[in-house]
N, C-alpha and C. Protein backbone atom coordinates (compact mmCIF):
# COMPACT_ATOMS: atom_id res chain seq x y z
N MET A 1 25.17 2.85 0.32
CA MET A 1 23.81 3.38 0.34
C MET A 1 23.03 2.71 1.47
N GLN A 2 22.26 3.50 2.20
CA GLN A 2 21.49 2.98 3.32
C GLN A 2 20.00 2.99 3.00
N ILE A 3 19.35 1.87 3.28
CA ILE A 3 17.94 1.69 2.94
C ILE A 3 17.16 1.31 4.19
N LEU A 4 15.99 1.91 4.35
CA LEU A 4 15.07 1.56 5.42
C LEU A 4 13.89 0.81 4.82
N ILE A 5 13.60 -0.37 5.37
CA ILE A 5 12.42 -1.14 4.97
C ILE A 5 11.37 -1.02 6.07
N VAL A 6 10.19 -0.54 5.70
CA VAL A 6 9.07 -0.45 6.64
C VAL A 6 8.01 -1.41 6.13
N GLU A 7 7.97 -2.59 6.71
CA GLU A 7 7.13 -3.68 6.20
C GLU A 7 6.72 -4.57 7.37
N ASP A 8 5.41 -4.78 7.54
CA ASP A 8 4.94 -5.58 8.68
C ASP A 8 4.99 -7.08 8.41
N GLU A 9 5.12 -7.49 7.16
CA GLU A 9 5.30 -8.91 6.85
C GLU A 9 6.77 -9.24 7.08
N VAL A 10 7.07 -9.79 8.25
CA VAL A 10 8.46 -9.95 8.66
C VAL A 10 9.25 -10.83 7.69
N ARG A 11 8.65 -11.90 7.19
CA ARG A 11 9.36 -12.78 6.26
C ARG A 11 9.72 -12.04 4.99
N LEU A 12 8.79 -11.22 4.47
CA LEU A 12 9.07 -10.44 3.27
C LEU A 12 10.17 -9.41 3.54
N ALA A 13 10.07 -8.74 4.69
CA ALA A 13 11.08 -7.74 5.04
C ALA A 13 12.47 -8.37 5.10
N LYS A 14 12.56 -9.55 5.73
CA LYS A 14 13.86 -10.23 5.82
C LYS A 14 14.37 -10.66 4.45
N ALA A 15 13.46 -11.10 3.59
CA ALA A 15 13.86 -11.50 2.24
C ALA A 15 14.39 -10.31 1.45
N LEU A 16 13.69 -9.17 1.57
CA LEU A 16 14.15 -7.96 0.89
C LEU A 16 15.50 -7.51 1.45
N LYS A 17 15.65 -7.59 2.75
CA LYS A 17 16.91 -7.20 3.39
C LYS A 17 18.07 -8.05 2.86
N GLN A 18 17.84 -9.35 2.74
CA GLN A 18 18.89 -10.23 2.25
C GLN A 18 19.25 -9.89 0.80
N ILE A 19 18.23 -9.66 -0.03
CA ILE A 19 18.47 -9.31 -1.44
C ILE A 19 19.31 -8.03 -1.54
N LEU A 20 18.95 -7.04 -0.75
CA LEU A 20 19.64 -5.75 -0.81
C LEU A 20 21.05 -5.84 -0.25
N GLU A 21 21.22 -6.58 0.84
CA GLU A 21 22.55 -6.72 1.42
C GLU A 21 23.49 -7.47 0.49
N GLU A 22 22.96 -8.37 -0.31
CA GLU A 22 23.79 -9.07 -1.29
C GLU A 22 24.32 -8.11 -2.36
N LYS A 23 23.64 -6.99 -2.51
CA LYS A 23 24.09 -5.94 -3.45
C LYS A 23 24.87 -4.84 -2.71
N ASN A 24 25.27 -5.15 -1.48
CA ASN A 24 26.11 -4.26 -0.67
C ASN A 24 25.40 -3.01 -0.18
N TYR A 25 24.06 -3.05 -0.11
CA TYR A 25 23.33 -1.97 0.54
C TYR A 25 23.32 -2.24 2.05
N MET A 26 23.31 -1.17 2.84
CA MET A 26 23.12 -1.29 4.28
C MET A 26 21.63 -1.13 4.56
N VAL A 27 21.05 -2.06 5.31
CA VAL A 27 19.59 -2.13 5.44
C VAL A 27 19.16 -2.21 6.89
N GLU A 28 18.13 -1.45 7.24
CA GLU A 28 17.46 -1.58 8.53
C GLU A 28 15.99 -1.86 8.28
N MET A 29 15.35 -2.57 9.23
CA MET A 29 13.94 -2.92 9.09
C MET A 29 13.16 -2.44 10.30
N VAL A 30 11.94 -1.98 10.06
CA VAL A 30 10.97 -1.76 11.13
C VAL A 30 9.64 -2.30 10.62
N HIS A 31 8.70 -2.56 11.55
CA HIS A 31 7.52 -3.31 11.15
C HIS A 31 6.19 -2.63 11.47
N ASN A 32 6.24 -1.33 11.76
CA ASN A 32 4.99 -0.59 11.92
C ASN A 32 5.20 0.86 11.52
N GLY A 33 4.11 1.56 11.30
CA GLY A 33 4.19 2.91 10.78
C GLY A 33 4.82 3.92 11.72
N GLU A 34 4.57 3.78 13.02
CA GLU A 34 5.16 4.73 13.97
C GLU A 34 6.67 4.64 13.97
N ASP A 35 7.20 3.42 13.95
CA ASP A 35 8.65 3.26 13.88
C ASP A 35 9.17 3.75 12.53
N GLY A 36 8.36 3.56 11.48
CA GLY A 36 8.75 4.05 10.17
C GLY A 36 8.98 5.56 10.17
N VAL A 37 8.09 6.28 10.85
CA VAL A 37 8.24 7.74 10.97
C VAL A 37 9.48 8.07 11.79
N ASP A 38 9.63 7.42 12.94
CA ASP A 38 10.76 7.71 13.82
C ASP A 38 12.09 7.47 13.12
N TYR A 39 12.23 6.35 12.46
CA TYR A 39 13.48 6.05 11.77
C TYR A 39 13.66 6.95 10.55
N GLY A 40 12.60 7.12 9.79
CA GLY A 40 12.68 7.92 8.57
C GLY A 40 13.05 9.36 8.83
N MET A 41 12.58 9.91 9.96
CA MET A 41 12.86 11.31 10.29
C MET A 41 14.34 11.55 10.58
N SER A 42 15.11 10.49 10.77
CA SER A 42 16.54 10.67 11.01
C SER A 42 17.24 11.27 9.79
N GLY A 43 16.67 11.02 8.61
CA GLY A 43 17.27 11.56 7.39
C GLY A 43 18.54 10.87 6.94
N ILE A 44 18.90 9.75 7.56
CA ILE A 44 20.17 9.10 7.22
C ILE A 44 20.04 8.13 6.05
N TYR A 45 18.80 7.86 5.62
CA TYR A 45 18.61 6.84 4.59
C TYR A 45 18.61 7.45 3.19
N ASP A 46 19.07 6.64 2.23
CA ASP A 46 19.07 7.07 0.84
C ASP A 46 17.77 6.69 0.14
N VAL A 47 17.11 5.64 0.63
CA VAL A 47 15.82 5.19 0.09
C VAL A 47 15.01 4.59 1.23
N ILE A 48 13.70 4.81 1.20
CA ILE A 48 12.79 4.16 2.14
C ILE A 48 11.83 3.29 1.33
N ILE A 49 11.78 2.00 1.66
CA ILE A 49 10.83 1.08 1.03
C ILE A 49 9.68 0.93 2.03
N LEU A 50 8.51 1.40 1.63
CA LEU A 50 7.41 1.60 2.58
C LEU A 50 6.16 0.83 2.15
N ASP A 51 5.72 -0.08 3.01
CA ASP A 51 4.48 -0.81 2.72
C ASP A 51 3.27 0.10 2.96
N LEU A 52 2.22 -0.12 2.19
CA LEU A 52 1.01 0.70 2.34
C LEU A 52 0.22 0.31 3.59
N MET A 53 -0.01 -0.98 3.78
CA MET A 53 -0.83 -1.46 4.89
C MET A 53 0.06 -1.82 6.07
N LEU A 54 0.09 -0.94 7.06
CA LEU A 54 0.95 -1.12 8.23
C LEU A 54 0.13 -0.94 9.50
N PRO A 55 0.52 -1.60 10.59
CA PRO A 55 -0.12 -1.32 11.88
C PRO A 55 0.32 0.04 12.42
N LYS A 56 -0.53 0.61 13.27
CA LYS A 56 -0.30 1.88 13.96
C LYS A 56 -0.47 3.09 13.05
N LEU A 57 0.29 3.15 11.95
CA LEU A 57 0.10 4.20 10.94
C LEU A 57 0.26 3.55 9.58
N ASN A 58 -0.65 3.84 8.65
CA ASN A 58 -0.48 3.25 7.32
C ASN A 58 0.58 4.01 6.53
N GLY A 59 0.96 3.42 5.41
CA GLY A 59 2.03 4.00 4.60
C GLY A 59 1.74 5.40 4.10
N ILE A 60 0.48 5.68 3.79
CA ILE A 60 0.10 7.02 3.33
C ILE A 60 0.42 8.04 4.41
N GLU A 61 0.03 7.73 5.65
CA GLU A 61 0.26 8.67 6.76
C GLU A 61 1.75 8.80 7.06
N VAL A 62 2.49 7.69 6.96
CA VAL A 62 3.93 7.74 7.19
C VAL A 62 4.59 8.68 6.19
N ALA A 63 4.25 8.50 4.91
CA ALA A 63 4.84 9.35 3.87
C ALA A 63 4.50 10.82 4.09
N LYS A 64 3.25 11.10 4.43
CA LYS A 64 2.83 12.49 4.67
C LYS A 64 3.62 13.11 5.81
N ARG A 65 3.79 12.35 6.91
CA ARG A 65 4.50 12.90 8.07
C ARG A 65 5.97 13.15 7.76
N LEU A 66 6.58 12.25 7.01
CA LEU A 66 7.97 12.45 6.64
C LEU A 66 8.14 13.69 5.77
N ARG A 67 7.25 13.85 4.79
CA ARG A 67 7.36 15.01 3.91
C ARG A 67 7.07 16.31 4.67
N THR A 68 6.07 16.27 5.56
CA THR A 68 5.76 17.46 6.37
C THR A 68 6.94 17.81 7.27
N GLY A 69 7.67 16.79 7.72
CA GLY A 69 8.82 17.01 8.58
C GLY A 69 10.08 17.42 7.85
N GLY A 70 9.97 17.59 6.54
CA GLY A 70 11.11 18.05 5.77
C GLY A 70 12.02 16.97 5.24
N VAL A 71 11.63 15.70 5.40
CA VAL A 71 12.45 14.60 4.90
C VAL A 71 12.20 14.41 3.40
N GLU A 72 13.26 14.46 2.60
CA GLU A 72 13.13 14.36 1.15
C GLU A 72 13.64 13.03 0.61
N THR A 73 13.91 12.08 1.50
CA THR A 73 14.40 10.77 1.09
C THR A 73 13.43 10.12 0.10
N PRO A 74 13.92 9.58 -1.03
CA PRO A 74 13.02 8.90 -1.97
C PRO A 74 12.28 7.74 -1.30
N ILE A 75 10.98 7.65 -1.58
CA ILE A 75 10.14 6.60 -1.01
C ILE A 75 9.57 5.73 -2.12
N ILE A 76 9.76 4.41 -1.99
CA ILE A 76 9.11 3.45 -2.88
C ILE A 76 8.02 2.77 -2.06
N MET A 77 6.78 2.94 -2.47
CA MET A 77 5.66 2.37 -1.71
C MET A 77 5.29 1.00 -2.27
N LEU A 78 5.09 0.04 -1.37
CA LEU A 78 4.72 -1.32 -1.75
C LEU A 78 3.28 -1.61 -1.32
N THR A 79 2.54 -2.31 -2.17
CA THR A 79 1.18 -2.67 -1.80
C THR A 79 0.67 -3.82 -2.64
N ALA A 80 -0.28 -4.54 -2.08
CA ALA A 80 -0.95 -5.59 -2.84
C ALA A 80 -2.09 -5.00 -3.67
N ARG A 81 -2.43 -3.75 -3.40
CA ARG A 81 -3.50 -3.08 -4.15
C ARG A 81 -2.95 -2.50 -5.45
N ASP A 82 -3.71 -2.67 -6.51
CA ASP A 82 -3.21 -2.18 -7.80
C ASP A 82 -4.20 -1.26 -8.51
N THR A 83 -5.16 -0.70 -7.76
CA THR A 83 -6.11 0.21 -8.40
C THR A 83 -5.45 1.56 -8.64
N ILE A 84 -5.94 2.25 -9.65
CA ILE A 84 -5.40 3.58 -9.97
C ILE A 84 -5.59 4.52 -8.78
N ARG A 85 -6.72 4.41 -8.11
CA ARG A 85 -6.97 5.30 -6.96
C ARG A 85 -5.93 5.11 -5.87
N ASP A 86 -5.57 3.84 -5.59
CA ASP A 86 -4.57 3.58 -4.56
C ASP A 86 -3.20 4.11 -4.99
N LYS A 87 -2.87 3.94 -6.25
CA LYS A 87 -1.58 4.45 -6.74
C LYS A 87 -1.52 5.97 -6.62
N ILE A 88 -2.60 6.63 -7.00
CA ILE A 88 -2.65 8.09 -6.91
C ILE A 88 -2.51 8.54 -5.46
N ALA A 89 -3.20 7.84 -4.55
CA ALA A 89 -3.12 8.20 -3.13
C ALA A 89 -1.70 8.06 -2.62
N GLY A 90 -1.02 6.99 -3.03
CA GLY A 90 0.36 6.78 -2.60
C GLY A 90 1.29 7.86 -3.11
N LEU A 91 1.18 8.18 -4.38
CA LEU A 91 2.04 9.20 -4.97
C LEU A 91 1.73 10.59 -4.43
N ASP A 92 0.45 10.86 -4.21
CA ASP A 92 0.07 12.17 -3.68
C ASP A 92 0.52 12.36 -2.23
N SER A 93 0.73 11.28 -1.52
CA SER A 93 1.18 11.38 -0.12
C SER A 93 2.65 11.74 -0.02
N GLY A 94 3.37 11.63 -1.14
CA GLY A 94 4.79 11.96 -1.12
C GLY A 94 5.70 10.86 -1.61
N ALA A 95 5.14 9.69 -1.96
CA ALA A 95 5.97 8.60 -2.49
C ALA A 95 6.50 8.97 -3.87
N ASP A 96 7.69 8.46 -4.17
CA ASP A 96 8.31 8.73 -5.47
C ASP A 96 8.02 7.63 -6.49
N ASP A 97 7.70 6.45 -5.99
CA ASP A 97 7.40 5.33 -6.88
C ASP A 97 6.45 4.39 -6.15
N TYR A 98 5.84 3.46 -6.91
CA TYR A 98 4.78 2.62 -6.38
C TYR A 98 4.92 1.25 -7.02
N MET A 99 5.08 0.21 -6.21
CA MET A 99 5.22 -1.15 -6.73
C MET A 99 4.13 -2.05 -6.18
N THR A 100 3.55 -2.86 -7.05
CA THR A 100 2.49 -3.78 -6.66
C THR A 100 3.09 -5.16 -6.38
N LYS A 101 2.76 -5.73 -5.24
CA LYS A 101 3.19 -7.09 -4.91
C LYS A 101 2.37 -8.09 -5.72
N PRO A 102 2.98 -9.20 -6.12
CA PRO A 102 4.40 -9.54 -5.99
C PRO A 102 5.22 -8.87 -7.09
N PHE A 103 6.51 -8.74 -6.84
CA PHE A 103 7.41 -8.13 -7.83
C PHE A 103 8.72 -8.90 -7.81
N SER A 104 9.50 -8.75 -8.85
CA SER A 104 10.78 -9.45 -8.92
C SER A 104 11.86 -8.64 -8.22
N PRO A 105 12.85 -9.31 -7.64
CA PRO A 105 13.95 -8.59 -7.01
C PRO A 105 14.65 -7.64 -7.97
N ASN A 106 14.81 -8.07 -9.22
CA ASN A 106 15.49 -7.21 -10.20
C ASN A 106 14.71 -5.93 -10.47
N GLU A 107 13.37 -6.03 -10.45
CA GLU A 107 12.57 -4.82 -10.64
C GLU A 107 12.76 -3.87 -9.47
N LEU A 108 12.77 -4.40 -8.25
CA LEU A 108 12.97 -3.54 -7.08
C LEU A 108 14.33 -2.85 -7.16
N LEU A 109 15.36 -3.59 -7.51
CA LEU A 109 16.70 -3.01 -7.61
C LEU A 109 16.74 -1.91 -8.67
N ALA A 110 16.03 -2.14 -9.78
CA ALA A 110 15.98 -1.13 -10.83
C ALA A 110 15.24 0.12 -10.36
N ARG A 111 14.15 -0.08 -9.61
CA ARG A 111 13.39 1.07 -9.09
C ARG A 111 14.25 1.87 -8.10
N ILE A 112 15.03 1.17 -7.27
CA ILE A 112 15.91 1.87 -6.33
C ILE A 112 16.93 2.72 -7.08
N ARG A 113 17.53 2.13 -8.11
CA ARG A 113 18.49 2.91 -8.92
C ARG A 113 17.82 4.12 -9.54
N ALA A 114 16.60 3.94 -10.01
CA ALA A 114 15.90 5.02 -10.70
C ALA A 114 15.56 6.17 -9.74
N VAL A 115 15.02 5.86 -8.56
CA VAL A 115 14.62 6.95 -7.66
C VAL A 115 15.83 7.67 -7.09
N THR A 116 16.92 6.95 -6.85
CA THR A 116 18.11 7.63 -6.33
C THR A 116 18.74 8.49 -7.42
N ARG A 117 18.68 8.02 -8.67
CA ARG A 117 19.21 8.82 -9.78
C ARG A 117 18.38 10.09 -9.96
N ARG A 118 17.04 9.96 -9.91
CA ARG A 118 16.18 11.14 -10.05
C ARG A 118 16.40 12.10 -8.90
N HIS A 119 16.57 11.55 -7.70
CA HIS A 119 16.77 12.41 -6.52
C HIS A 119 18.06 13.20 -6.66
N ALA A 120 19.10 12.54 -7.16
CA ALA A 120 20.37 13.23 -7.35
C ALA A 120 20.24 14.33 -8.39
N GLU A 121 19.42 14.09 -9.41
CA GLU A 121 19.24 15.09 -10.46
C GLU A 121 18.45 16.28 -9.94
N VAL A 122 17.50 16.02 -9.01
CA VAL A 122 16.67 17.10 -8.46
C VAL A 122 17.48 18.02 -7.56
N LEU A 123 18.42 17.42 -6.80
CA LEU A 123 19.23 18.23 -5.91
C LEU A 123 20.14 19.13 -6.74
N ALA A 124 19.99 20.42 -6.58
CA ALA A 124 20.80 21.35 -7.35
C ALA A 124 22.26 21.25 -6.92
N ASP A 125 23.16 21.57 -7.85
CA ASP A 125 24.57 21.59 -7.50
C ASP A 125 24.85 22.64 -6.44
N VAL A 126 24.09 23.73 -6.47
CA VAL A 126 24.29 24.81 -5.51
C VAL A 126 23.01 25.00 -4.71
N ILE A 127 23.11 24.87 -3.38
CA ILE A 127 21.96 25.05 -2.51
C ILE A 127 22.27 26.18 -1.54
N SER A 128 21.23 26.81 -1.03
CA SER A 128 21.42 28.00 -0.22
C SER A 128 20.67 27.92 1.11
N TYR A 129 21.22 28.63 2.09
CA TYR A 129 20.55 28.81 3.37
C TYR A 129 21.08 30.11 3.96
N GLY A 130 20.17 31.00 4.38
CA GLY A 130 20.61 32.28 4.92
C GLY A 130 21.46 33.01 3.90
N ASP A 131 22.66 33.43 4.30
CA ASP A 131 23.53 34.17 3.38
C ASP A 131 24.62 33.31 2.76
N ILE A 132 24.51 31.97 2.90
CA ILE A 132 25.54 31.12 2.33
C ILE A 132 24.99 30.28 1.18
N THR A 133 25.87 29.96 0.27
CA THR A 133 25.57 29.00 -0.80
C THR A 133 26.58 27.88 -0.69
N PHE A 134 26.13 26.68 -0.99
CA PHE A 134 26.96 25.48 -0.85
C PHE A 134 26.95 24.73 -2.16
N ASN A 135 28.09 24.67 -2.80
CA ASN A 135 28.23 23.92 -4.05
C ASN A 135 28.59 22.48 -3.69
N ILE A 136 27.63 21.58 -3.82
CA ILE A 136 27.85 20.21 -3.35
C ILE A 136 28.71 19.40 -4.31
N SER A 137 28.96 19.93 -5.51
CA SER A 137 29.84 19.21 -6.42
C SER A 137 31.31 19.57 -6.19
N THR A 138 31.56 20.77 -5.66
CA THR A 138 32.95 21.20 -5.39
C THR A 138 33.26 21.30 -3.90
N ASN A 139 32.23 21.12 -3.05
CA ASN A 139 32.37 21.24 -1.59
C ASN A 139 32.79 22.64 -1.16
N GLU A 140 32.38 23.64 -1.93
CA GLU A 140 32.75 25.02 -1.64
C GLU A 140 31.58 25.78 -1.04
N VAL A 141 31.83 26.48 0.08
CA VAL A 141 30.82 27.29 0.74
C VAL A 141 31.17 28.76 0.53
N SER A 142 30.17 29.57 0.14
CA SER A 142 30.41 30.97 -0.16
C SER A 142 29.45 31.87 0.58
N CYS A 143 29.94 33.07 0.91
CA CYS A 143 29.12 34.13 1.48
C CYS A 143 29.63 35.44 0.90
N GLY A 144 28.79 36.09 0.12
CA GLY A 144 29.24 37.30 -0.57
C GLY A 144 30.40 36.98 -1.49
N ASP A 145 31.52 37.70 -1.32
CA ASP A 145 32.67 37.47 -2.20
C ASP A 145 33.73 36.58 -1.56
N LYS A 146 33.38 35.97 -0.41
CA LYS A 146 34.33 35.09 0.25
C LYS A 146 33.85 33.64 0.14
N SER A 147 34.79 32.72 0.00
CA SER A 147 34.44 31.30 -0.09
C SER A 147 35.55 30.46 0.51
N ILE A 148 35.20 29.23 0.84
CA ILE A 148 36.16 28.30 1.41
C ILE A 148 35.74 26.88 1.04
N ARG A 149 36.72 26.03 0.85
CA ARG A 149 36.42 24.65 0.48
C ARG A 149 36.42 23.76 1.73
N LEU A 150 35.44 22.86 1.81
CA LEU A 150 35.34 21.92 2.92
C LEU A 150 36.00 20.60 2.53
N ASN A 151 36.49 19.88 3.54
CA ASN A 151 36.96 18.53 3.24
C ASN A 151 35.75 17.60 3.14
N PHE A 152 36.00 16.33 2.83
CA PHE A 152 34.90 15.41 2.53
C PHE A 152 33.92 15.29 3.68
N LYS A 153 34.40 15.02 4.88
CA LYS A 153 33.49 14.81 6.01
C LYS A 153 32.75 16.09 6.38
N GLU A 154 33.44 17.23 6.35
CA GLU A 154 32.77 18.50 6.61
C GLU A 154 31.63 18.72 5.62
N ALA A 155 31.90 18.42 4.35
CA ALA A 155 30.90 18.62 3.31
C ALA A 155 29.71 17.68 3.50
N GLU A 156 29.96 16.43 3.88
CA GLU A 156 28.88 15.48 4.10
C GLU A 156 28.00 15.90 5.27
N ILE A 157 28.64 16.39 6.33
CA ILE A 157 27.87 16.87 7.48
C ILE A 157 27.03 18.07 7.10
N LEU A 158 27.64 19.04 6.41
CA LEU A 158 26.90 20.25 6.05
C LEU A 158 25.76 19.92 5.09
N LYS A 159 25.98 18.99 4.18
CA LYS A 159 24.92 18.61 3.24
C LYS A 159 23.73 18.02 3.99
N LEU A 160 24.00 17.18 4.98
CA LEU A 160 22.91 16.60 5.76
C LEU A 160 22.17 17.68 6.55
N LEU A 161 22.91 18.64 7.09
CA LEU A 161 22.28 19.74 7.82
C LEU A 161 21.42 20.59 6.88
N PHE A 162 21.89 20.79 5.65
CA PHE A 162 21.11 21.53 4.66
C PHE A 162 19.81 20.79 4.34
N LEU A 163 19.92 19.49 4.10
CA LEU A 163 18.75 18.71 3.71
C LEU A 163 17.76 18.55 4.85
N ARG A 164 18.24 18.72 6.08
CA ARG A 164 17.38 18.55 7.25
C ARG A 164 17.20 19.88 7.98
N LYS A 165 17.04 20.95 7.24
CA LYS A 165 17.01 22.29 7.85
C LYS A 165 15.98 22.42 8.96
N ASN A 166 14.86 21.74 8.83
CA ASN A 166 13.78 21.87 9.81
C ASN A 166 13.80 20.80 10.89
N VAL A 167 14.75 19.87 10.79
CA VAL A 167 14.79 18.75 11.74
C VAL A 167 16.22 18.59 12.25
N PRO A 168 16.44 18.66 13.57
CA PRO A 168 17.80 18.48 14.10
C PRO A 168 18.39 17.13 13.71
N VAL A 169 19.70 17.12 13.54
CA VAL A 169 20.42 15.89 13.19
C VAL A 169 21.21 15.45 14.42
N SER A 170 20.97 14.25 14.89
CA SER A 170 21.64 13.76 16.09
C SER A 170 23.07 13.32 15.79
N LYS A 171 23.87 13.21 16.85
CA LYS A 171 25.23 12.72 16.68
C LYS A 171 25.22 11.30 16.12
N GLU A 172 24.27 10.50 16.59
CA GLU A 172 24.18 9.12 16.10
C GLU A 172 23.92 9.09 14.59
N ASP A 173 23.04 9.97 14.12
CA ASP A 173 22.75 10.03 12.70
C ASP A 173 24.00 10.42 11.91
N LEU A 174 24.72 11.42 12.41
CA LEU A 174 25.93 11.87 11.72
C LEU A 174 26.99 10.78 11.69
N LEU A 175 27.16 10.08 12.80
CA LEU A 175 28.15 9.01 12.84
C LEU A 175 27.80 7.91 11.84
N THR A 176 26.52 7.55 11.78
CA THR A 176 26.11 6.49 10.87
C THR A 176 26.24 6.92 9.42
N LYS A 177 25.77 8.11 9.12
CA LYS A 177 25.72 8.58 7.73
C LYS A 177 27.10 8.96 7.20
N VAL A 178 27.91 9.63 8.02
CA VAL A 178 29.18 10.17 7.54
C VAL A 178 30.34 9.22 7.78
N TRP A 179 30.37 8.56 8.93
CA TRP A 179 31.48 7.67 9.24
C TRP A 179 31.17 6.21 8.92
N GLY A 180 29.88 5.82 8.95
CA GLY A 180 29.50 4.45 8.64
C GLY A 180 29.27 3.60 9.87
N TYR A 181 28.52 2.52 9.70
CA TYR A 181 28.14 1.65 10.81
C TYR A 181 29.35 1.03 11.51
N ASP A 182 30.36 0.67 10.74
CA ASP A 182 31.49 -0.09 11.30
C ASP A 182 32.62 0.79 11.81
N SER A 183 32.45 2.10 11.74
CA SER A 183 33.50 3.01 12.16
C SER A 183 33.64 3.01 13.69
N GLU A 184 34.85 3.26 14.15
CA GLU A 184 35.11 3.40 15.58
C GLU A 184 35.02 4.85 16.03
N ALA A 185 34.62 5.74 15.14
CA ALA A 185 34.47 7.15 15.48
C ALA A 185 33.40 7.32 16.56
N GLY A 186 33.53 8.36 17.36
CA GLY A 186 32.57 8.61 18.44
C GLY A 186 32.13 10.06 18.48
N ASP A 187 31.49 10.42 19.58
CA ASP A 187 30.94 11.77 19.72
C ASP A 187 32.00 12.84 19.54
N SER A 188 33.22 12.59 20.03
CA SER A 188 34.27 13.60 19.95
C SER A 188 34.63 13.91 18.50
N ASN A 189 34.52 12.92 17.62
CA ASN A 189 34.79 13.17 16.20
C ASN A 189 33.75 14.10 15.61
N VAL A 190 32.48 13.86 15.95
CA VAL A 190 31.41 14.72 15.46
C VAL A 190 31.62 16.14 15.97
N GLU A 191 31.89 16.27 17.26
CA GLU A 191 32.07 17.59 17.86
C GLU A 191 33.23 18.35 17.19
N ALA A 192 34.30 17.63 16.88
CA ALA A 192 35.46 18.26 16.24
C ALA A 192 35.10 18.80 14.86
N TYR A 193 34.37 17.99 14.07
CA TYR A 193 34.03 18.42 12.72
C TYR A 193 32.98 19.53 12.72
N ILE A 194 32.08 19.50 13.68
CA ILE A 194 31.12 20.60 13.80
C ILE A 194 31.88 21.90 14.10
N SER A 195 32.90 21.81 14.95
CA SER A 195 33.72 22.98 15.26
C SER A 195 34.44 23.49 14.02
N PHE A 196 34.97 22.56 13.21
CA PHE A 196 35.65 22.97 11.97
C PHE A 196 34.69 23.74 11.06
N ILE A 197 33.46 23.22 10.93
CA ILE A 197 32.48 23.87 10.06
C ILE A 197 32.13 25.25 10.58
N ARG A 198 31.93 25.37 11.88
CA ARG A 198 31.62 26.68 12.46
C ARG A 198 32.73 27.68 12.17
N LYS A 199 33.98 27.26 12.32
CA LYS A 199 35.12 28.16 12.07
C LYS A 199 35.17 28.59 10.61
N LYS A 200 34.86 27.68 9.70
CA LYS A 200 34.88 28.03 8.28
C LYS A 200 33.74 28.96 7.91
N LEU A 201 32.57 28.76 8.52
CA LEU A 201 31.47 29.69 8.28
C LEU A 201 31.80 31.07 8.84
N SER A 202 32.46 31.10 9.98
CA SER A 202 32.88 32.37 10.56
C SER A 202 33.92 33.05 9.68
N PHE A 203 34.83 32.25 9.11
CA PHE A 203 35.89 32.79 8.26
C PHE A 203 35.33 33.54 7.06
N ILE A 204 34.21 33.05 6.49
CA ILE A 204 33.63 33.73 5.33
C ILE A 204 32.59 34.78 5.75
N ASN A 205 32.57 35.09 7.06
CA ASN A 205 31.71 36.14 7.60
C ASN A 205 30.22 35.87 7.42
N SER A 206 29.84 34.61 7.52
CA SER A 206 28.42 34.26 7.39
C SER A 206 27.69 34.49 8.70
N ASN A 207 26.39 34.78 8.58
CA ASN A 207 25.57 34.88 9.79
C ASN A 207 24.90 33.55 10.10
N VAL A 208 25.30 32.49 9.38
CA VAL A 208 24.79 31.15 9.61
C VAL A 208 25.79 30.37 10.45
N THR A 209 25.31 29.61 11.40
CA THR A 209 26.18 28.76 12.19
C THR A 209 25.47 27.43 12.46
N VAL A 210 26.18 26.51 13.07
CA VAL A 210 25.60 25.22 13.47
C VAL A 210 25.36 25.29 14.97
N VAL A 211 24.11 25.20 15.38
CA VAL A 211 23.78 25.28 16.80
C VAL A 211 23.62 23.88 17.37
N SER A 212 23.99 23.75 18.63
CA SER A 212 23.83 22.48 19.35
C SER A 212 22.55 22.54 20.16
N LEU A 213 21.73 21.51 20.03
CA LEU A 213 20.51 21.39 20.82
C LEU A 213 20.72 20.25 21.80
N LYS A 214 20.76 20.57 23.08
CA LYS A 214 21.12 19.60 24.11
C LYS A 214 20.27 18.34 24.03
N LYS A 215 20.95 17.21 23.96
CA LYS A 215 20.34 15.88 23.91
C LYS A 215 19.49 15.65 22.67
N VAL A 216 19.61 16.55 21.68
CA VAL A 216 18.84 16.40 20.44
C VAL A 216 19.76 16.28 19.25
N GLY A 217 20.66 17.24 19.05
CA GLY A 217 21.56 17.19 17.93
C GLY A 217 21.96 18.58 17.45
N TYR A 218 22.10 18.70 16.15
CA TYR A 218 22.57 19.94 15.55
C TYR A 218 21.64 20.40 14.44
N LYS A 219 21.61 21.71 14.22
CA LYS A 219 20.88 22.25 13.07
C LYS A 219 21.49 23.57 12.66
N LEU A 220 21.22 23.96 11.42
CA LEU A 220 21.67 25.26 10.93
C LEU A 220 20.75 26.34 11.48
N GLU A 221 21.34 27.49 11.75
CA GLU A 221 20.53 28.59 12.26
C GLU A 221 21.21 29.91 11.90
N GLU A 222 20.43 30.91 11.56
CA GLU A 222 20.97 32.23 11.28
C GLU A 222 21.11 32.98 12.60
N LYS A 223 22.26 33.60 12.78
CA LYS A 223 22.49 34.38 13.99
C LYS A 223 21.58 35.58 14.03
N LYS A 224 21.04 35.88 15.20
CA LYS A 224 20.20 37.03 15.36
C LYS A 224 21.04 38.29 15.55
N CYS A 225 20.67 39.36 14.88
CA CYS A 225 21.42 40.61 14.98
C CYS A 225 21.19 41.27 16.36
């Protein structure tokens, strides 16, 4: 599981990173709101831990921009403020949970488990785009009466493209999310699997394909008649 920490208190961010890495989470840190948006928009994270009071953009604005951009990653907002009004503002901006500082590491770990569990429950087993449906529990893609099963990496790539329909996914994001940080896979691996997915979508006669956006990445798109 990959977690993004957006926290301007560097000592706190490092402490949280250490706690999470001890539980085998992969963690990245940024320390201002603008970087929080840039990193969060990648869509590669399973959870974003977001401080409310940040330089450049506050946590409320970061959450709003991520949600407007189509990012559905669960967000846990952190703040020293504990008024009901502040909590409502955080949740209304798109956060999934709200924690008041100080908090115990065990509580944070429990909140992470809870938001990821809820997020998994919200994601339907079958999701659709254009004329295709994708069963994420069986890795089967269907169009009309034709269907085909994807292998694990193909399914992970397609799922990320589905979840990021409005935002292109870069090769770097795909390599990190699907192959992992320590993998020796490169651009050619991504290109090969994108080709496999395109061929399978063509096989089931779908009008949906994966388009390449030069120097940006990939996204799903319906072919124009």
